[in-house]
Amino acid sequence: MLESFVTKRRDRRAALAFLKKTVKRYASPKAIVTDQLRSNRAAMGQLGNEKRQGTGRWLNNRGES
């Protein structure tokens, strides 16, 4: 599944809004692949999904292709 959310800022609040919207729509995922931006990690921690976040170098290649 590929989901995107366009915002003016890339802060914790924007990441949290995206994650809440996505989890509400698709339920709790097994894994979430994000870039290594610190705001994504902060939002994942606030939701309690830190263990499900993947930030590897080539994890998002399939989505970008």
PDB file of N, CA and C in Angstrom:
ATOM      1  N   MET A   1       0.857  -1.167   0.000  1.00  0.00           N
ATOM      2  CA  MET A   1       0.000   0.000   0.000  1.00  0.00           C
ATOM      3  C   MET A   1       0.900   1.226   0.000  1.00  0.00           C
ATOM      4  N   LEU A   2       0.562   2.176  -0.786  1.00  0.00           N
ATOM      5  CA  LEU A   2       1.315   3.427  -0.851  1.00  0.00           C
ATOM      6  C   LEU A   2       0.356   4.571  -0.546  1.00  0.00           C
ATOM      7  N   GLU A   3       0.711   5.382   0.412  1.00  0.00           N
ATOM      8  CA  GLU A   3      -0.141   6.496   0.839  1.00  0.00           C
ATOM      9  C   GLU A   3       0.729   7.745   0.912  1.00  0.00           C
ATOM     10  N   SER A   4       0.189   8.875   0.500  1.00  0.00           N
ATOM     11  CA  SER A   4       0.927  10.131   0.598  1.00  0.00           C
ATOM     12  C   SER A   4       0.008  11.205   1.165  1.00  0.00           C
ATOM     13  N   PHE A   5       0.632  12.249   1.704  1.00  0.00           N
ATOM     14  CA  PHE A   5      -0.097  13.326   2.369  1.00  0.00           C
ATOM     15  C   PHE A   5       0.730  14.590   2.200  1.00  0.00           C
ATOM     16  N   VAL A   6       0.209  15.579   1.509  1.00  0.00           N
ATOM     17  CA  VAL A   6       0.956  16.801   1.218  1.00  0.00           C
ATOM     18  C   VAL A   6       0.644  17.861   2.275  1.00  0.00           C
ATOM     19  N   THR A   7       1.700  18.420   2.873  1.00  0.00           N
ATOM     20  CA  THR A   7       1.553  19.471   3.872  1.00  0.00           C
ATOM     21  C   THR A   7       2.560  20.583   3.586  1.00  0.00           C
ATOM     22  N   LYS A   8       2.351  21.725   4.193  1.00  0.00           N
ATOM     23  CA  LYS A   8       3.283  22.840   4.037  1.00  0.00           C
ATOM     24  C   LYS A   8       4.557  22.611   4.839  1.00  0.00           C
ATOM     25  N   ARG A   9       4.445  21.879   5.933  1.00  0.00           N
ATOM     26  CA  ARG A   9       5.594  21.644   6.813  1.00  0.00           C
ATOM     27  C   ARG A   9       5.833  20.155   6.993  1.00  0.00           C
ATOM     28  N   ARG A  10       7.056  19.804   7.375  1.00  0.00           N
ATOM     29  CA  ARG A  10       7.403  18.411   7.639  1.00  0.00           C
ATOM     30  C   ARG A  10       7.756  18.259   9.120  1.00  0.00           C
ATOM     31  N   ASP A  11       6.827  18.641   9.990  1.00  0.00           N
ATOM     32  CA  ASP A  11       7.077  18.573  11.419  1.00  0.00           C
ATOM     33  C   ASP A  11       6.312  17.403  12.046  1.00  0.00           C
ATOM     34  N   ARG A  12       6.452  17.265  13.356  1.00  0.00           N
ATOM     35  CA  ARG A  12       5.821  16.161  14.068  1.00  0.00           C
ATOM     36  C   ARG A  12       4.307  16.204  13.950  1.00  0.00           C
ATOM     37  N   ARG A  13       3.744  17.391  14.002  1.00  0.00           N
ATOM     38  CA  ARG A  13       2.288  17.527  13.906  1.00  0.00           C
ATOM     39  C   ARG A  13       1.760  17.014  12.562  1.00  0.00           C
ATOM     40  N   ALA A  14       2.443  17.350  11.489  1.00  0.00           N
ATOM     41  CA  ALA A  14       2.031  16.893  10.161  1.00  0.00           C
ATOM     42  C   ALA A  14       2.188  15.379  10.037  1.00  0.00           C
ATOM     43  N   ALA A  15       3.291  14.842  10.562  1.00  0.00           N
ATOM     44  CA  ALA A  15       3.513  13.390  10.513  1.00  0.00           C
ATOM     45  C   ALA A  15       2.467  12.663  11.351  1.00  0.00           C
ATOM     46  N   LEU A  16       2.126  13.210  12.492  1.00  0.00           N
ATOM     47  CA  LEU A  16       1.124  12.597  13.360  1.00  0.00           C
ATOM     48  C   LEU A  16      -0.257  12.606  12.697  1.00  0.00           C
ATOM     49  N   ALA A  17      -0.616  13.691  12.037  1.00  0.00           N
ATOM     50  CA  ALA A  17      -1.896  13.767  11.324  1.00  0.00           C
ATOM     51  C   ALA A  17      -1.952  12.724  10.219  1.00  0.00           C
ATOM     52  N   PHE A  18      -0.847  12.573   9.473  1.00  0.00           N
ATOM     53  CA  PHE A  18      -0.783  11.573   8.409  1.00  0.00           C
ATOM     54  C   PHE A  18      -0.931  10.162   8.966  1.00  0.00           C
ATOM     55  N   LEU A  19      -0.205   9.855  10.020  1.00  0.00           N
ATOM     56  CA  LEU A  19      -0.254   8.508  10.589  1.00  0.00           C
ATOM     57  C   LEU A  19      -1.626   8.178  11.163  1.00  0.00           C
ATOM     58  N   LYS A  20      -2.238   9.134  11.843  1.00  0.00           N
ATOM     59  CA  LYS A  20      -3.571   8.900  12.397  1.00  0.00           C
ATOM     60  C   LYS A  20      -4.586   8.643  11.280  1.00  0.00           C
ATOM     61  N   LYS A  21      -4.511   9.442  10.223  1.00  0.00           N
ATOM     62  CA  LYS A  21      -5.417   9.284   9.090  1.00  0.00           C
ATOM     63  C   LYS A  21      -5.215   7.921   8.421  1.00  0.00           C
ATOM     64  N   THR A  22      -3.979   7.527   8.236  1.00  0.00           N
ATOM     65  CA  THR A  22      -3.681   6.269   7.578  1.00  0.00           C
ATOM     66  C   THR A  22      -4.092   5.068   8.424  1.00  0.00           C
ATOM     67  N   VAL A  23      -3.809   5.103   9.715  1.00  0.00           N
ATOM     68  CA  VAL A  23      -4.177   3.997  10.602  1.00  0.00           C
ATOM     69  C   VAL A  23      -5.694   3.882  10.702  1.00  0.00           C
ATOM     70  N   LYS A  24      -6.372   5.013  10.705  1.00  0.00           N
ATOM     71  CA  LYS A  24      -7.831   4.991  10.766  1.00  0.00           C
ATOM     72  C   LYS A  24      -8.419   4.353   9.505  1.00  0.00           C
ATOM     73  N   ARG A  25      -7.810   4.628   8.372  1.00  0.00           N
ATOM     74  CA  ARG A  25      -8.320   4.107   7.103  1.00  0.00           C
ATOM     75  C   ARG A  25      -7.964   2.641   6.874  1.00  0.00           C
ATOM     76  N   TYR A  26      -6.743   2.233   7.194  1.00  0.00           N
ATOM     77  CA  TYR A  26      -6.263   0.897   6.845  1.00  0.00           C
ATOM     78  C   TYR A  26      -6.004  -0.015   8.036  1.00  0.00           C
ATOM     79  N   ALA A  27      -6.293   0.399   9.242  1.00  0.00           N
ATOM     80  CA  ALA A  27      -6.019  -0.356  10.473  1.00  0.00           C
ATOM     81  C   ALA A  27      -4.522  -0.338  10.764  1.00  0.00           C
ATOM     82  N   SER A  28      -4.114  -1.062  11.763  1.00  0.00           N
ATOM     83  CA  SER A  28      -2.720  -1.047  12.202  1.00  0.00           C
ATOM     84  C   SER A  28      -1.840  -1.875  11.261  1.00  0.00           C
ATOM     85  N   PRO A  29      -0.831  -1.270  10.644  1.00  0.00           N
ATOM     86  CA  PRO A  29       0.017  -1.981   9.683  1.00  0.00           C
ATOM     87  C   PRO A  29       1.085  -2.834  10.355  1.00  0.00           C
ATOM     88  N   LYS A  30       1.639  -3.775   9.609  1.00  0.00           N
ATOM     89  CA  LYS A  30       2.750  -4.593  10.105  1.00  0.00           C
ATOM     90  C   LYS A  30       4.048  -3.803  10.078  1.00  0.00           C
ATOM     91  N   ALA A  31       4.199  -2.942   9.059  1.00  0.00           N
ATOM     92  CA  ALA A  31       5.415  -2.137   8.934  1.00  0.00           C
ATOM     93  C   ALA A  31       5.073  -0.818   8.246  1.00  0.00           C
ATOM     94  N   ILE A  32       5.819   0.224   8.614  1.00  0.00           N
ATOM     95  CA  ILE A  32       5.678   1.534   7.986  1.00  0.00           C
ATOM     96  C   ILE A  32       7.069   1.981   7.555  1.00  0.00           C
ATOM     97  N   VAL A  33       7.248   2.225   6.264  1.00  0.00           N
ATOM     98  CA  VAL A  33       8.540   2.641   5.735  1.00  0.00           C
ATOM     99  C   VAL A  33       8.510   4.151   5.540  1.00  0.00           C
ATOM    100  N   THR A  34       9.445   4.842   6.185  1.00  0.00           N
ATOM    101  CA  THR A  34       9.550   6.300   6.081  1.00  0.00           C
ATOM    102  C   THR A  34      11.000   6.680   5.804  1.00  0.00           C
ATOM    103  N   ASP A  35      11.205   7.955   5.510  1.00  0.00           N
ATOM    104  CA  ASP A  35      12.573   8.446   5.425  1.00  0.00           C
ATOM    105  C   ASP A  35      13.095   8.625   6.857  1.00  0.00           C
ATOM    106  N   GLN A  36      14.314   9.081   6.993  1.00  0.00           N
ATOM    107  CA  GLN A  36      14.930   9.164   8.314  1.00  0.00           C
ATOM    108  C   GLN A  36      14.696  10.496   9.003  1.00  0.00           C
ATOM    109  N   LEU A  37      13.655  11.202   8.615  1.00  0.00           N
ATOM    110  CA  LEU A  37      13.321  12.476   9.226  1.00  0.00           C
ATOM    111  C   LEU A  37      12.919  12.271  10.687  1.00  0.00           C
ATOM    112  N   ARG A  38      13.450  13.092  11.583  1.00  0.00           N
ATOM    113  CA  ARG A  38      13.197  12.924  13.020  1.00  0.00           C
ATOM    114  C   ARG A  38      11.743  13.132  13.403  1.00  0.00           C
ATOM    115  N   SER A  39      11.018  13.942  12.647  1.00  0.00           N
ATOM    116  CA  SER A  39       9.609  14.166  12.974  1.00  0.00           C
ATOM    117  C   SER A  39       8.781  12.900  12.774  1.00  0.00           C
ATOM    118  N   ASN A  40       9.151  12.076  11.805  1.00  0.00           N
ATOM    119  CA  ASN A  40       8.446  10.806  11.611  1.00  0.00           C
ATOM    120  C   ASN A  40       8.658   9.885  12.804  1.00  0.00           C
ATOM    121  N   ARG A  41       9.882   9.822  13.295  1.00  0.00           N
ATOM    122  CA  ARG A  41      10.188   8.982  14.452  1.00  0.00           C
ATOM    123  C   ARG A  41       9.451   9.471  15.700  1.00  0.00           C
ATOM    124  N   ALA A  42       9.354  10.791  15.867  1.00  0.00           N
ATOM    125  CA  ALA A  42       8.646  11.359  17.022  1.00  0.00           C
ATOM    126  C   ALA A  42       7.158  11.032  16.961  1.00  0.00           C
ATOM    127  N   ALA A  43       6.567  11.139  15.784  1.00  0.00           N
ATOM    128  CA  ALA A  43       5.144  10.826  15.629  1.00  0.00           C
ATOM    129  C   ALA A  43       4.892   9.340  15.847  1.00  0.00           C
ATOM    130  N   MET A  44       5.770   8.491  15.340  1.00  0.00           N
ATOM    131  CA  MET A  44       5.624   7.042  15.541  1.00  0.00           C
ATOM    132  C   MET A  44       5.732   6.709  17.025  1.00  0.00           C
ATOM    133  N   GLY A  45       6.615   7.372  17.743  1.00  0.00           N
ATOM    134  CA  GLY A  45       6.756   7.146  19.174  1.00  0.00           C
ATOM    135  C   GLY A  45       5.523   7.564  19.944  1.00  0.00           C
ATOM    136  N   GLN A  46       4.913   8.643  19.512  1.00  0.00           N
ATOM    137  CA  GLN A  46       3.715   9.121  20.188  1.00  0.00           C
ATOM    138  C   GLN A  46       2.545   8.153  19.991  1.00  0.00           C
ATOM    139  N   LEU A  47       2.508   7.479  18.847  1.00  0.00           N
ATOM    140  CA  LEU A  47       1.452   6.496  18.583  1.00  0.00           C
ATOM    141  C   LEU A  47       1.801   5.110  19.127  1.00  0.00           C
ATOM    142  N   GLY A  48       3.059   4.909  19.507  1.00  0.00           N
ATOM    143  CA  GLY A  48       3.482   3.610  20.023  1.00  0.00           C
ATOM    144  C   GLY A  48       3.849   2.625  18.930  1.00  0.00           C
ATOM    145  N   ASN A  49       4.205   3.118  17.742  1.00  0.00           N
ATOM    146  CA  ASN A  49       4.560   2.256  16.613  1.00  0.00           C
ATOM    147  C   ASN A  49       6.034   2.318  16.253  1.00  0.00           C
ATOM    148  N   GLU A  50       6.898   2.690  17.176  1.00  0.00           N
ATOM    149  CA  GLU A  50       8.323   2.837  16.858  1.00  0.00           C
ATOM    150  C   GLU A  50       8.940   1.556  16.322  1.00  0.00           C
ATOM    151  N   LYS A  51       8.526   0.428  16.835  1.00  0.00           N
ATOM    152  CA  LYS A  51       9.096  -0.861  16.432  1.00  0.00           C
ATOM    153  C   LYS A  51       8.705  -1.241  15.001  1.00  0.00           C
ATOM    154  N   ARG A  52       7.648  -0.648  14.477  1.00  0.00           N
ATOM    155  CA  ARG A  52       7.161  -0.993  13.142  1.00  0.00           C
ATOM    156  C   ARG A  52       7.733  -0.101  12.051  1.00  0.00           C
ATOM    157  N   GLN A  53       8.548   0.875  12.400  1.00  0.00           N
ATOM    158  CA  GLN A  53       9.077   1.825  11.425  1.00  0.00           C
ATOM    159  C   GLN A  53      10.329   1.269  10.771  1.00  0.00           C
ATOM    160  N   GLY A  54      10.334   1.279   9.442  1.00  0.00           N
ATOM    161  CA  GLY A  54      11.506   0.889   8.672  1.00  0.00           C
ATOM    162  C   GLY A  54      12.100   2.111   8.004  1.00  0.00           C
ATOM    163  N   THR A  55      13.422   2.297   8.130  1.00  0.00           N
ATOM    164  CA  THR A  55      14.070   3.471   7.541  1.00  0.00           C
ATOM    165  C   THR A  55      15.310   3.086   6.748  1.00  0.00           C
ATOM    166  N   GLY A  56      15.343   1.886   6.218  1.00  0.00           N
ATOM    167  CA  GLY A  56      16.520   1.426   5.480  1.00  0.00           C
ATOM    168  C   GLY A  56      16.733   2.189   4.190  1.00  0.00           C
ATOM    169  N   ARG A  57      17.924   2.052   3.656  1.00  0.00           N
ATOM    170  CA  ARG A  57      18.318   2.809   2.476  1.00  0.00           C
ATOM    171  C   ARG A  57      17.506   2.455   1.234  1.00  0.00           C
ATOM    172  N   TRP A  58      17.184   1.176   1.037  1.00  0.00           N
ATOM    173  CA  TRP A  58      16.479   0.770  -0.174  1.00  0.00           C
ATOM    174  C   TRP A  58      15.083   0.222   0.099  1.00  0.00           C
ATOM    175  N   LEU A  59      14.526   0.457   1.269  1.00  0.00           N
ATOM    176  CA  LEU A  59      13.217  -0.087   1.597  1.00  0.00           C
ATOM    177  C   LEU A  59      12.089   0.529   0.779  1.00  0.00           C
ATOM    178  N   ASN A  60      12.237   1.770   0.333  1.00  0.00           N
ATOM    179  CA  ASN A  60      11.153   2.425  -0.401  1.00  0.00           C
ATOM    180  C   ASN A  60      11.376   2.422  -1.914  1.00  0.00           C
ATOM    181  N   ASN A  61      12.313   1.633  -2.426  1.00  0.00           N
ATOM    182  CA  ASN A  61      12.574   1.613  -3.863  1.00  0.00           C
ATOM    183  C   ASN A  61      11.347   1.186  -4.669  1.00  0.00           C
ATOM    184  N   ARG A  62      10.594   0.200  -4.198  1.00  0.00           N
ATOM    185  CA  ARG A  62       9.430  -0.279  -4.933  1.00  0.00           C
ATOM    186  C   ARG A  62       8.393   0.840  -5.063  1.00  0.00           C
ATOM    187  N   GLY A  63       8.185   1.633  -4.039  1.00  0.00           N
ATOM    188  CA  GLY A  63       7.215   2.727  -4.092  1.00  0.00           C
ATOM    189  C   GLY A  63       7.674   3.848  -5.003  1.00  0.00           C
ATOM    190  N   GLU A  64       8.961   4.149  -5.018  1.00  0.00           N
ATOM    191  CA  GLU A  64       9.470   5.229  -5.850  1.00  0.00           C
ATOM    192  C   GLU A  64       9.557   4.843  -7.323  1.00  0.00           C
ATOM    193  N   SER A  65       9.622   3.553  -7.585  1.00  0.00           N
ATOM    194  CA  SER A  65       9.699   3.102  -8.988  1.00  0.00           C
ATOM    195  C   SER A  65       8.353   3.260  -9.629  1.00  0.00           C
TER     196      SER A  65
END
